[in-house]
Amino acid sequence: MLRSFYIDSDGNDITMGFVKENDYATDCAAFVARQPSRYAFQCLEPCIIVDLPYTAMADGFGRFKNLETYGRRYKEQVLAAQQARIEACLVEVAEQRYLNFVRQHPDLFGRVSLTHLASYLGIERQSLSRIRKKLADRR
């Protein structure tokens, strides 16, 4: 498993997402624009990484119609996921973002550190601990 992150202007490490097995670790917008990504990727578990350059993808899209369709569908999924994340950050309270993460990514829940999860949710580590305690007390 990987995590994508960047360092903000104050030196804070901001987690943007997590990449599970057999998924793509990419900054799709930078890849398409052929510009350096502002994101870094960190292996959280042992990984095998396959490098697929833009030129190889473009060549494959040109030669194989099904691959081009697959690439378009992948970009649509990335766009939908980005839109959902933006909306969640704008309209949901931290507790709801946490509950949604647990519901949508049960396979990641025990594998992601609370520090990285808090960063991904846009909250402080202490706030995440309070949310988790509050939810545990309800049970």
C-alpha atoms as a PDB file:
ATOM      1  CA  MET A   1       0.000   0.000   0.000  1.00  0.00           C
ATOM      2  CA  LEU A   2       1.103   3.536  -0.779  1.00  0.00           C
ATOM      3  CA  ARG A   3       0.000   6.955   0.301  1.00  0.00           C
ATOM      4  CA  SER A   4       0.156  10.107  -1.777  1.00  0.00           C
ATOM      5  CA  PHE A   5       1.000  13.315   0.019  1.00  0.00           C
ATOM      6  CA  TYR A   6       2.480  16.774  -0.310  1.00  0.00           C
ATOM      7  CA  ILE A   7       4.186  19.227   1.999  1.00  0.00           C
ATOM      8  CA  ASP A   8       2.305  22.506   2.359  1.00  0.00           C
ATOM      9  CA  SER A   9       3.868  25.961   2.693  1.00  0.00           C
ATOM     10  CA  ASP A  10       4.003  25.579   6.489  1.00  0.00           C
ATOM     11  CA  GLY A  11       5.896  22.297   6.242  1.00  0.00           C
ATOM     12  CA  ASN A  12       2.897  20.126   7.105  1.00  0.00           C
ATOM     13  CA  ASP A  13       2.654  16.659   5.575  1.00  0.00           C
ATOM     14  CA  ILE A  14      -0.815  16.425   3.947  1.00  0.00           C
ATOM     15  CA  THR A  15      -2.117  13.004   2.927  1.00  0.00           C
ATOM     16  CA  MET A  16      -4.100  13.113  -0.308  1.00  0.00           C
ATOM     17  CA  GLY A  17      -4.957   9.452  -0.666  1.00  0.00           C
ATOM     18  CA  PHE A  18      -4.076   5.807  -0.327  1.00  0.00           C
ATOM     19  CA  VAL A  19      -3.281   3.351  -3.104  1.00  0.00           C
ATOM     20  CA  LYS A  20      -4.202  -0.283  -2.605  1.00  0.00           C
ATOM     21  CA  GLU A  21      -2.830  -3.351  -4.316  1.00  0.00           C
ATOM     22  CA  ASN A  22      -3.226  -3.495  -8.095  1.00  0.00           C
ATOM     23  CA  ASP A  23      -4.255   0.142  -8.350  1.00  0.00           C
ATOM     24  CA  TYR A  24      -2.564   3.090 -10.022  1.00  0.00           C
ATOM     25  CA  ALA A  25      -0.296   5.387  -8.054  1.00  0.00           C
ATOM     26  CA  THR A  26      -0.441   8.532 -10.120  1.00  0.00           C
ATOM     27  CA  ASP A  27      -1.267  12.201 -10.122  1.00  0.00           C
ATOM     28  CA  CYS A  28      -3.636  11.880 -13.064  1.00  0.00           C
ATOM     29  CA  ALA A  29      -3.729  15.608 -13.864  1.00  0.00           C
ATOM     30  CA  ALA A  30       0.070  15.922 -13.876  1.00  0.00           C
ATOM     31  CA  PHE A  31       0.395  12.707 -15.904  1.00  0.00           C
ATOM     32  CA  VAL A  32      -2.010  13.938 -18.587  1.00  0.00           C
ATOM     33  CA  ALA A  33      -0.410  17.409 -18.638  1.00  0.00           C
ATOM     34  CA  ARG A  34       3.043  15.795 -18.661  1.00  0.00           C
ATOM     35  CA  GLN A  35       4.156  18.006 -15.802  1.00  0.00           C
ATOM     36  CA  PRO A  36       5.919  17.076 -12.571  1.00  0.00           C
ATOM     37  CA  SER A  37       3.533  16.145  -9.798  1.00  0.00           C
ATOM     38  CA  ARG A  38       3.487  18.084  -6.568  1.00  0.00           C
ATOM     39  CA  TYR A  39       2.655  14.814  -4.807  1.00  0.00           C
ATOM     40  CA  ALA A  40       5.063  12.254  -3.461  1.00  0.00           C
ATOM     41  CA  PHE A  41       4.283   8.600  -2.876  1.00  0.00           C
ATOM     42  CA  GLN A  42       5.363   6.672   0.205  1.00  0.00           C
ATOM     43  CA  CYS A  43       5.331   2.888   0.475  1.00  0.00           C
ATOM     44  CA  LEU A  44       3.496   2.005   3.687  1.00  0.00           C
ATOM     45  CA  GLU A  45       3.976  -1.704   3.054  1.00  0.00           C
ATOM     46  CA  PRO A  46       6.382  -3.646   0.847  1.00  0.00           C
ATOM     47  CA  CYS A  47       5.584  -2.855  -2.789  1.00  0.00           C
ATOM     48  CA  ILE A  48       6.441  -3.742  -6.337  1.00  0.00           C
ATOM     49  CA  ILE A  49       6.119  -0.669  -8.533  1.00  0.00           C
ATOM     50  CA  VAL A  50       5.711  -0.835 -12.314  1.00  0.00           C
ATOM     51  CA  ASP A  51       6.723   2.345 -14.137  1.00  0.00           C
ATOM     52  CA  LEU A  52       4.460   3.112 -17.087  1.00  0.00           C
ATOM     53  CA  PRO A  53       5.633   6.240 -18.929  1.00  0.00           C
ATOM     54  CA  TYR A  54       3.225   8.580 -20.665  1.00  0.00           C
ATOM     55  CA  THR A  55       4.656   7.721 -24.086  1.00  0.00           C
ATOM     56  CA  ALA A  56       3.923   4.015 -23.558  1.00  0.00           C
ATOM     57  CA  MET A  57       0.348   4.792 -22.513  1.00  0.00           C
ATOM     58  CA  ALA A  58      -0.183   7.121 -25.475  1.00  0.00           C
ATOM     59  CA  ASP A  59       1.196   4.495 -27.847  1.00  0.00           C
ATOM     60  CA  GLY A  60      -1.122   1.855 -26.357  1.00  0.00           C
ATOM     61  CA  PHE A  61      -4.133   4.159 -26.604  1.00  0.00           C
ATOM     62  CA  GLY A  62      -3.344   4.751 -30.258  1.00  0.00           C
ATOM     63  CA  ARG A  63      -2.922   1.084 -31.066  1.00  0.00           C
ATOM     64  CA  PHE A  64      -5.653  -0.534 -28.980  1.00  0.00           C
ATOM     65  CA  LYS A  65      -9.182   0.892 -28.898  1.00  0.00           C
ATOM     66  CA  ASN A  66     -10.100  -1.103 -25.774  1.00  0.00           C
ATOM     67  CA  LEU A  67      -7.123   0.358 -23.906  1.00  0.00           C
ATOM     68  CA  GLU A  68      -8.183   3.862 -24.900  1.00  0.00           C
ATOM     69  CA  THR A  69     -11.685   3.154 -23.581  1.00  0.00           C
ATOM     70  CA  TYR A  70     -10.216   1.777 -20.357  1.00  0.00           C
ATOM     71  CA  GLY A  71      -8.079   4.910 -19.938  1.00  0.00           C
ATOM     72  CA  ARG A  72     -11.078   7.176 -20.462  1.00  0.00           C
ATOM     73  CA  ARG A  73     -13.139   5.239 -17.912  1.00  0.00           C
ATOM     74  CA  TYR A  74     -10.277   5.366 -15.419  1.00  0.00           C
ATOM     75  CA  LYS A  75     -10.025   9.152 -15.787  1.00  0.00           C
ATOM     76  CA  GLU A  76     -13.798   9.422 -15.278  1.00  0.00           C
ATOM     77  CA  GLN A  77     -13.487   7.428 -12.035  1.00  0.00           C
ATOM     78  CA  VAL A  78     -10.630   9.646 -10.867  1.00  0.00           C
ATOM     79  CA  LEU A  79     -12.676  12.765 -11.602  1.00  0.00           C
ATOM     80  CA  ALA A  80     -15.718  11.399  -9.746  1.00  0.00           C
ATOM     81  CA  ALA A  81     -13.575  10.424  -6.726  1.00  0.00           C
ATOM     82  CA  GLN A  82     -11.921  13.857  -6.654  1.00  0.00           C
ATOM     83  CA  GLN A  83     -15.299  15.588  -6.842  1.00  0.00           C
ATOM     84  CA  ALA A  84     -16.658  13.447  -3.986  1.00  0.00           C
ATOM     85  CA  ARG A  85     -13.602  14.233  -1.851  1.00  0.00           C
ATOM     86  CA  ILE A  86     -13.902  17.968  -2.476  1.00  0.00           C
ATOM     87  CA  GLU A  87     -17.597  17.926  -1.600  1.00  0.00           C
ATOM     88  CA  ALA A  88     -16.962  15.875   1.548  1.00  0.00           C
ATOM     89  CA  CYS A  89     -14.334  18.348   2.734  1.00  0.00           C
ATOM     90  CA  LEU A  90     -16.656  21.277   2.076  1.00  0.00           C
ATOM     91  CA  VAL A  91     -19.963  20.019   3.463  1.00  0.00           C
ATOM     92  CA  GLU A  92     -19.345  17.158   5.894  1.00  0.00           C
ATOM     93  CA  VAL A  93     -18.237  17.450   9.491  1.00  0.00           C
ATOM     94  CA  ALA A  94     -15.106  15.563  10.522  1.00  0.00           C
ATOM     95  CA  GLU A  95     -17.037  12.760  12.226  1.00  0.00           C
ATOM     96  CA  GLN A  96     -19.013  12.073   9.058  1.00  0.00           C
ATOM     97  CA  ARG A  97     -15.838  12.053   6.936  1.00  0.00           C
ATOM     98  CA  TYR A  98     -14.351   9.514   9.360  1.00  0.00           C
ATOM     99  CA  LEU A  99     -17.446   7.298   9.290  1.00  0.00           C
ATOM    100  CA  ASN A 100     -17.541   7.451   5.499  1.00  0.00           C
ATOM    101  CA  PHE A 101     -13.881   6.431   5.293  1.00  0.00           C
ATOM    102  CA  VAL A 102     -14.480   3.447   7.584  1.00  0.00           C
ATOM    103  CA  ARG A 103     -17.557   2.429   5.551  1.00  0.00           C
ATOM    104  CA  GLN A 104     -16.005   2.965   2.108  1.00  0.00           C
ATOM    105  CA  HIS A 105     -12.554   1.551   2.892  1.00  0.00           C
ATOM    106  CA  PRO A 106     -12.907  -1.212   5.476  1.00  0.00           C
ATOM    107  CA  ASP A 107      -9.902  -2.956   3.934  1.00  0.00           C
ATOM    108  CA  LEU A 108      -7.706   0.095   4.611  1.00  0.00           C
ATOM    109  CA  PHE A 109      -8.954   0.918   8.065  1.00  0.00           C
ATOM    110  CA  GLY A 110      -6.533  -1.238  10.059  1.00  0.00           C
ATOM    111  CA  ARG A 111      -3.626  -0.630   7.669  1.00  0.00           C
ATOM    112  CA  VAL A 112      -3.501   3.173   7.773  1.00  0.00           C
ATOM    113  CA  SER A 113      -1.902   4.964  10.720  1.00  0.00           C
ATOM    114  CA  LEU A 114      -4.144   7.330  12.644  1.00  0.00           C
ATOM    115  CA  THR A 115      -1.739  10.176  11.860  1.00  0.00           C
ATOM    116  CA  HIS A 116      -2.074   9.604   8.107  1.00  0.00           C
ATOM    117  CA  LEU A 117      -5.827   9.085   8.413  1.00  0.00           C
ATOM    118  CA  ALA A 118      -6.256  12.338  10.349  1.00  0.00           C
ATOM    119  CA  SER A 119      -4.249  14.174   7.707  1.00  0.00           C
ATOM    120  CA  TYR A 120      -6.381  12.641   4.929  1.00  0.00           C
ATOM    121  CA  LEU A 121      -9.563  13.667   6.757  1.00  0.00           C
ATOM    122  CA  GLY A 122      -8.250  17.217   7.185  1.00  0.00           C
ATOM    123  CA  ILE A 123      -8.221  17.149  10.971  1.00  0.00           C
ATOM    124  CA  GLU A 124      -5.684  17.061  13.780  1.00  0.00           C
ATOM    125  CA  ARG A 125      -4.667  13.709  15.252  1.00  0.00           C
ATOM    126  CA  GLN A 126      -6.170  14.706  18.615  1.00  0.00           C
ATOM    127  CA  SER A 127      -9.515  15.472  16.962  1.00  0.00           C
ATOM    128  CA  LEU A 128      -9.552  12.035  15.361  1.00  0.00           C
ATOM    129  CA  SER A 129      -8.863  10.449  18.756  1.00  0.00           C
ATOM    130  CA  ARG A 130     -11.794  12.368  20.277  1.00  0.00           C
ATOM    131  CA  ILE A 131     -14.096  11.295  17.426  1.00  0.00           C
ATOM    132  CA  ARG A 132     -13.074   7.660  17.837  1.00  0.00           C
ATOM    133  CA  LYS A 133     -13.581   7.803  21.608  1.00  0.00           C
ATOM    134  CA  LYS A 134     -16.994   9.433  21.202  1.00  0.00           C
ATOM    135  CA  LEU A 135     -18.094   6.747  18.741  1.00  0.00           C
ATOM    136  CA  ALA A 136     -16.743   3.946  20.954  1.00  0.00           C
ATOM    137  CA  ASP A 137     -18.641   5.365  23.954  1.00  0.00           C
ATOM    138  CA  ARG A 138     -21.895   5.264  21.957  1.00  0.00           C
ATOM    139  CA  ARG A 139     -21.606   1.495  21.455  1.00  0.00           C
END
